[in-house]
Protein backbone atom coordinates (compact mmCIF):
# COMPACT_ATOMS: atom_id res chain seq x y z
CA MET A 1 8.95 115.62 44.75
CA THR A 2 9.02 115.78 40.85
CA VAL A 3 11.04 112.84 39.53
CA LEU A 4 13.11 113.88 36.51
CA ARG A 5 12.83 112.21 33.11
CA ASN A 6 15.77 113.05 30.95
CA LEU A 7 15.79 112.25 27.12
CA VAL A 8 18.72 111.97 24.87
CA VAL A 9 17.40 112.28 21.24
CA ASN A 10 20.00 110.52 19.16
CA ALA A 11 20.23 110.35 15.33
CA ASP A 12 21.96 107.30 13.87
CA ASP A 13 23.68 107.15 10.59
CA LEU A 14 25.28 110.59 10.56
CA GLY A 15 27.71 110.57 7.40
CA LEU A 16 25.73 108.03 5.45
CA THR A 17 24.86 110.56 2.69
CA VAL A 18 24.83 114.46 2.38
CA GLY A 19 20.97 114.13 2.45
CA VAL A 20 21.03 112.22 5.68
CA ASN A 21 23.39 114.77 7.09
CA ASN A 22 21.05 117.58 6.06
CA GLY A 23 18.24 116.02 7.91
CA ILE A 24 20.15 115.30 10.99
CA PHE A 25 21.60 118.82 11.32
CA GLY A 26 18.16 120.26 10.45
CA ALA A 27 16.58 118.29 13.29
CA TYR A 28 19.33 119.61 15.68
CA ASP A 29 19.18 123.24 14.41
CA ARG A 30 15.43 123.53 14.48
CA GLY A 31 14.21 120.56 16.49
CA ILE A 32 14.65 118.50 19.67
CA LEU A 33 17.79 116.40 18.44
CA THR A 34 20.53 116.61 20.99
CA SER A 35 22.92 113.90 19.99
CA SER A 36 24.21 111.93 16.82
CA SER A 37 26.21 108.96 16.03
CA VAL A 38 28.60 109.32 13.07
CA PHE A 39 29.89 106.63 10.74
CA PRO A 40 33.58 106.61 10.80
CA ASN A 41 34.17 105.71 7.18
CA ALA A 42 31.10 106.40 5.10
CA PRO A 43 30.52 108.53 1.85
CA ALA A 44 29.52 111.71 3.65
CA THR A 45 31.64 111.21 6.86
CA ALA A 46 34.00 114.13 5.93
CA ASP A 47 30.94 116.43 5.38
CA ALA A 48 29.47 115.35 8.59
CA ILE A 49 32.66 116.12 10.55
CA ARG A 50 33.16 119.51 8.90
CA ARG A 51 29.72 120.51 9.94
CA LEU A 52 29.97 119.12 13.39
CA ARG A 53 32.77 121.56 14.13
CA VAL A 54 30.34 124.52 14.01
CA ARG A 55 27.81 122.63 16.34
CA PRO A 56 29.86 122.06 19.44
CA SER A 57 26.67 121.54 21.53
CA LEU A 58 25.51 118.43 19.60
CA GLY A 59 26.66 115.16 21.27
CA VAL A 60 28.72 112.94 19.09
CA GLY A 61 29.28 109.15 19.19
CA VAL A 62 30.87 106.79 16.95
CA HIS A 63 28.47 104.51 14.94
CA LEU A 64 30.81 101.57 14.90
CA THR A 65 30.41 99.48 11.80
CA LEU A 66 31.06 95.85 11.09
CA VAL A 67 28.40 95.24 8.47
CA ASP A 68 27.14 97.13 5.50
CA GLY A 69 30.17 99.19 4.92
CA THR A 70 33.94 99.48 4.19
CA PRO A 71 36.54 98.93 7.02
CA MET A 72 39.01 101.47 8.02
CA LEU A 73 41.96 99.11 7.93
CA PRO A 74 43.39 97.38 4.87
CA PRO A 75 41.59 94.19 3.82
CA THR A 76 44.69 92.09 4.62
CA HIS A 77 44.41 93.30 8.26
CA VAL A 78 40.73 92.18 8.77
CA PRO A 79 40.21 89.20 6.51
CA SER A 80 37.61 87.47 8.66
CA LEU A 81 35.43 90.73 8.55
CA ILE A 82 35.12 91.23 4.75
CA GLU A 83 33.63 89.53 1.66
CA ASP A 84 35.60 89.15 -1.58
CA ASP A 85 34.80 92.63 -2.61
CA GLY A 86 36.59 94.08 0.24
CA ARG A 87 33.45 95.23 2.10
CA PHE A 88 31.92 94.01 5.24
CA ARG A 89 29.12 91.45 5.19
CA ALA A 90 25.96 93.00 3.93
CA SER A 91 23.76 92.54 6.93
CA TRP A 92 23.69 91.78 10.65
CA LYS A 93 22.32 88.24 10.03
CA PRO A 94 25.40 86.78 8.15
CA PHE A 95 27.75 88.60 10.39
CA ILE A 96 26.19 87.17 13.66
CA VAL A 97 26.10 83.64 11.97
CA ALA A 98 29.73 83.89 11.16
CA CYS A 99 30.31 84.99 14.80
CA LEU A 100 28.46 81.98 16.15
CA ARG A 101 30.36 79.75 13.98
CA GLY A 102 33.61 81.06 15.07
CA ARG A 103 34.56 82.55 11.57
CA VAL A 104 35.04 86.22 12.92
CA ALA A 105 38.36 86.77 14.58
CA LEU A 106 37.83 89.02 17.65
CA GLU A 107 41.28 90.38 17.58
CA GLU A 108 40.47 91.70 14.08
CA VAL A 109 37.21 93.21 15.46
CA GLU A 110 39.19 95.00 18.17
CA ARG A 111 41.75 96.35 15.59
CA GLU A 112 39.10 97.65 13.23
CA LEU A 113 36.93 99.31 15.93
CA THR A 114 40.03 100.85 17.45
CA ALA A 115 40.85 102.42 14.07
CA GLN A 116 37.15 103.74 13.69
CA ILE A 117 37.27 105.42 17.04
CA GLU A 118 40.65 106.91 16.33
CA ARG A 119 39.57 108.22 13.07
CA VAL A 120 36.86 110.51 14.70
CA LEU A 121 39.06 111.36 17.71
CA GLY A 122 41.63 112.35 15.26
CA GLU A 123 39.42 115.01 14.03
CA GLY A 124 39.44 116.63 17.37
CA ILE A 125 35.87 115.55 18.30
CA THR A 126 35.13 114.88 21.85
CA LEU A 127 33.05 111.53 22.02
CA THR A 128 30.00 111.24 24.24
CA HIS A 129 29.13 107.61 23.42
CA LEU A 130 29.51 104.41 21.25
CA ASP A 131 26.76 102.39 19.55
CA ALA A 132 26.93 100.30 16.36
CA HIS A 133 25.19 100.01 12.91
CA LYS A 134 22.63 97.41 13.00
CA HIS A 135 23.29 96.77 16.71
CA VAL A 136 25.82 94.14 16.00
CA HIS A 137 27.61 95.09 19.23
CA ALA A 138 24.85 93.41 21.10
CA PHE A 139 26.51 90.16 20.52
CA PRO A 140 28.18 89.76 23.93
CA PRO A 141 31.81 89.08 22.83
CA ILE A 142 31.72 92.05 20.50
CA PHE A 143 30.10 94.23 23.28
CA ALA A 144 32.99 93.24 25.61
CA ILE A 145 35.33 94.70 23.02
CA VAL A 146 33.41 97.78 22.77
CA ALA A 147 33.20 98.31 26.45
CA ARG A 148 36.92 97.90 26.74
CA LEU A 149 37.48 100.52 23.90
CA ALA A 150 35.06 102.92 25.68
CA GLU A 151 37.13 102.60 29.03
CA ARG A 152 40.36 102.90 27.16
CA PHE A 153 39.30 106.06 25.16
CA ARG A 154 37.23 107.50 28.18
CA ILE A 155 34.06 107.41 26.34
CA PRO A 156 31.29 107.46 29.18
CA VAL A 157 28.19 105.84 27.54
CA VAL A 158 27.76 102.59 25.54
CA ARG A 159 24.27 101.76 24.01
CA VAL A 160 22.63 98.54 25.04
CA PRO A 161 20.19 98.37 22.29
CA TYR A 162 17.29 96.64 24.21
CA GLU A 163 13.97 98.33 24.63
CA ARG A 164 11.59 97.35 27.47
CA TRP A 165 8.45 95.85 26.01
CA SER A 166 6.02 98.65 25.21
CA PRO A 167 2.80 99.09 23.38
CA THR A 168 2.77 99.77 19.62
CA TRP A 169 1.24 102.78 18.10
CA GLY A 170 0.16 103.95 14.58
CA ASP A 171 -1.85 102.75 11.79
CA ALA A 172 -2.21 99.09 10.88
CA ASN A 173 0.95 98.84 8.88
CA GLN A 174 2.90 100.72 11.38
CA ARG A 175 1.75 98.47 14.19
CA ARG A 176 2.47 95.35 12.08
CA THR A 177 6.04 96.49 11.63
CA ALA A 178 6.47 97.51 15.29
CA ARG A 179 5.21 94.25 16.49
CA ARG A 180 7.67 92.41 14.24
CA GLN A 181 10.59 94.56 15.55
CA ALA A 182 9.32 94.06 19.18
CA LEU A 183 9.57 90.36 18.82
CA LEU A 184 13.16 90.75 17.55
CA ASN A 185 13.93 93.10 20.40
CA ALA A 186 12.42 90.73 22.94
CA ALA A 187 14.69 87.90 21.77
CA MET A 188 17.64 90.07 22.65
CA LEU A 189 17.03 90.20 26.40
CA PRO A 190 19.57 87.47 27.41
CA TRP A 191 22.40 89.41 25.53
CA ALA A 192 21.10 92.60 27.05
CA ARG A 193 21.40 91.25 30.61
CA HIS A 194 24.89 90.07 29.93
CA ASN A 195 25.89 93.34 28.35
CA PHE A 196 24.53 95.36 31.30
CA ARG A 197 26.66 93.44 33.62
CA THR A 198 29.75 93.90 31.37
CA ALA A 199 29.14 97.70 31.18
CA ARG A 200 28.69 97.95 34.85
CA ARG A 201 32.01 96.17 35.52
CA GLN A 202 33.76 98.46 33.15
CA GLY A 203 32.25 101.66 34.94
CA LEU A 204 30.07 102.72 31.86
CA ARG A 205 26.77 104.23 31.68
CA THR A 206 24.05 102.48 29.72
CA PRO A 207 20.95 104.70 29.44
CA GLN A 208 17.46 103.20 29.05
CA PHE A 209 16.76 102.82 25.40
CA VAL A 210 13.63 103.38 23.24
CA GLY A 211 13.01 103.68 19.49
CA ARG A 212 14.02 100.32 18.29
CA ILE A 213 10.54 98.98 18.07
CA HIS A 214 9.35 101.97 16.10
CA THR A 215 12.34 102.28 13.74
CA GLY A 216 11.05 103.36 10.35
CA VAL A 217 7.43 103.77 11.67
CA LEU A 218 7.74 106.56 14.25
CA SER A 219 4.90 108.79 14.24
CA VAL A 220 3.09 111.50 16.18
CA ASP A 221 1.12 108.83 18.10
CA SER A 222 4.04 106.65 18.70
CA LEU A 223 6.32 109.50 19.75
CA ALA A 224 3.48 110.73 22.22
CA GLY A 225 3.24 107.12 23.58
CA ILE A 226 6.82 106.86 24.03
CA VAL A 227 7.41 110.16 25.72
CA HIS A 228 4.39 109.55 28.07
CA HIS A 229 5.74 106.24 29.19
CA LEU A 230 9.38 107.35 29.77
CA ARG A 231 10.71 106.10 33.11
CA PRO A 232 12.47 108.23 35.58
CA GLY A 233 16.33 108.82 34.71
CA ILE A 234 18.05 109.09 31.44
CA THR A 235 16.56 107.54 28.36
CA GLU A 236 18.06 107.48 24.78
CA LEU A 237 15.52 107.81 21.91
CA MET A 238 17.08 106.46 18.75
CA VAL A 239 15.74 108.11 15.60
CA HIS A 240 16.88 108.10 11.90
CA PRO A 241 16.15 111.53 10.37
CA GLY A 242 17.38 112.42 6.97
CA LEU A 243 16.44 113.78 3.51
CA VAL A 244 16.28 111.25 0.67
CA ASP A 245 18.95 111.88 -2.14
CA ASP A 246 20.16 109.74 -5.04
CA GLU A 247 23.08 108.56 -3.01
CA LEU A 248 20.65 107.22 -0.18
CA LEU A 249 18.55 105.43 -2.95
CA ARG A 250 21.63 103.54 -4.05
CA THR A 251 22.37 102.33 -0.41
CA GLY A 252 19.64 99.80 -0.23
CA THR A 253 18.47 100.94 3.05
CA ARG A 254 14.82 100.30 3.88
CA LEU A 255 14.64 103.64 5.66
CA LEU A 256 13.77 106.20 3.04
CA SER A 257 10.58 108.34 3.32
CA SER A 258 10.53 107.59 7.02
CA ARG A 259 13.74 109.78 7.43
CA ALA A 260 12.03 112.86 6.09
CA GLU A 261 8.94 112.22 8.22
CA GLU A 262 11.03 112.06 11.30
CA VAL A 263 12.76 115.27 10.42
CA ARG A 264 9.38 116.94 10.34
CA LEU A 265 8.30 115.28 13.48
CA LEU A 266 11.33 116.25 15.36
CA CYS A 267 10.94 119.77 14.32
CA ALA A 268 7.28 120.10 14.78
CA PRO A 269 5.92 122.67 17.33
CA GLU A 270 3.67 119.91 18.72
CA THR A 271 6.63 117.86 19.61
CA HIS A 272 8.25 120.77 21.42
CA ASN A 273 4.93 121.23 23.34
CA LEU A 274 4.66 117.48 24.10
CA LEU A 275 7.95 117.51 25.93
CA ILE A 276 7.08 120.62 27.83
CA ALA A 277 3.61 119.11 28.84
CA GLU A 278 5.29 115.81 29.98
CA GLN A 279 8.06 117.74 31.94
CA VAL A 280 10.74 115.77 29.91
CA GLU A 281 14.28 117.46 29.91
CA LEU A 282 16.30 117.16 26.75
CA ILE A 283 19.97 116.29 27.42
CA ARG A 284 22.95 114.82 25.56
CA HIS A 285 24.84 111.72 26.96
CA ASP A 286 27.53 113.56 28.70
CA LEU A 287 26.05 117.05 29.50
CA ALA A 288 22.62 117.80 30.83
CA PHE A 289 21.08 121.04 30.10
CA SER A 290 17.50 122.41 30.82
CA ALA A 291 14.52 121.65 28.75
CA THR A 292 13.63 125.25 28.62
CA ARG A 293 16.97 126.27 27.18
CA SER A 294 17.11 123.53 24.79
CA LEU A 295 13.51 123.99 23.45
CA ARG A 296 14.28 127.65 23.12
CA HIS A 297 17.45 127.00 21.08
CA ALA A 298 15.47 124.70 18.71
CA SER A 299 12.56 127.12 18.22
């Protein structure tokens, strides 16, 4: 009996810039992308939502944001989440440190994340999943809030951003980066175990997860290795496709040229052939569809 291996190919950062949107929608229109996670309050969120409306088969989740962005709510409503400039903390590290020191009010987190989900739902978009920018929802008290909101808004899937240990592929520089990211990923195991239990209690689905270790260094070799080693069931592959524009250069993100490389990789005929050869079926988080049909759509 053939054991099904289903793959959700999800692009993070939709709405970051128009160039990123162009890359993500290109990877869906011409490639293997099946799902995306949209920033609720980023510079190109409005552009992303307008273009999502003509792509109803693309899965859409909320890329919940508590760092490196601007809150939906007024600063006076979320004072523990923002800096003096009215923006969130710049990175996940100071945010998690503040959480551990008790300087982040969890009731403010819940209010802000509720507003973010309601903003996307208010556009008439059906949500398939929740995840978070920089994976800050991996911190168990934050994950518990996200899980409650998923149940409240009937969103079936929440990402647990932990990747089972896997080999690293690519050239020397790519392997070096992947090994460093693999160590950070491995350190998340205690939180991941806690979060899996929380999700299970809430009746939420948490697909297997890959792509974190090779963030920014995804290549032909690493993608082939990831696909070959997929386990039975549903796995989410996190990707960051996009086209570099001036706005992206101003964001300070480390993911620049790698985004365009991922667009090419996700659209390459060799990638389509890889999935066929490995008998991997493309799906989105809430709705399975056959690999044959999805690959034909992307060709």
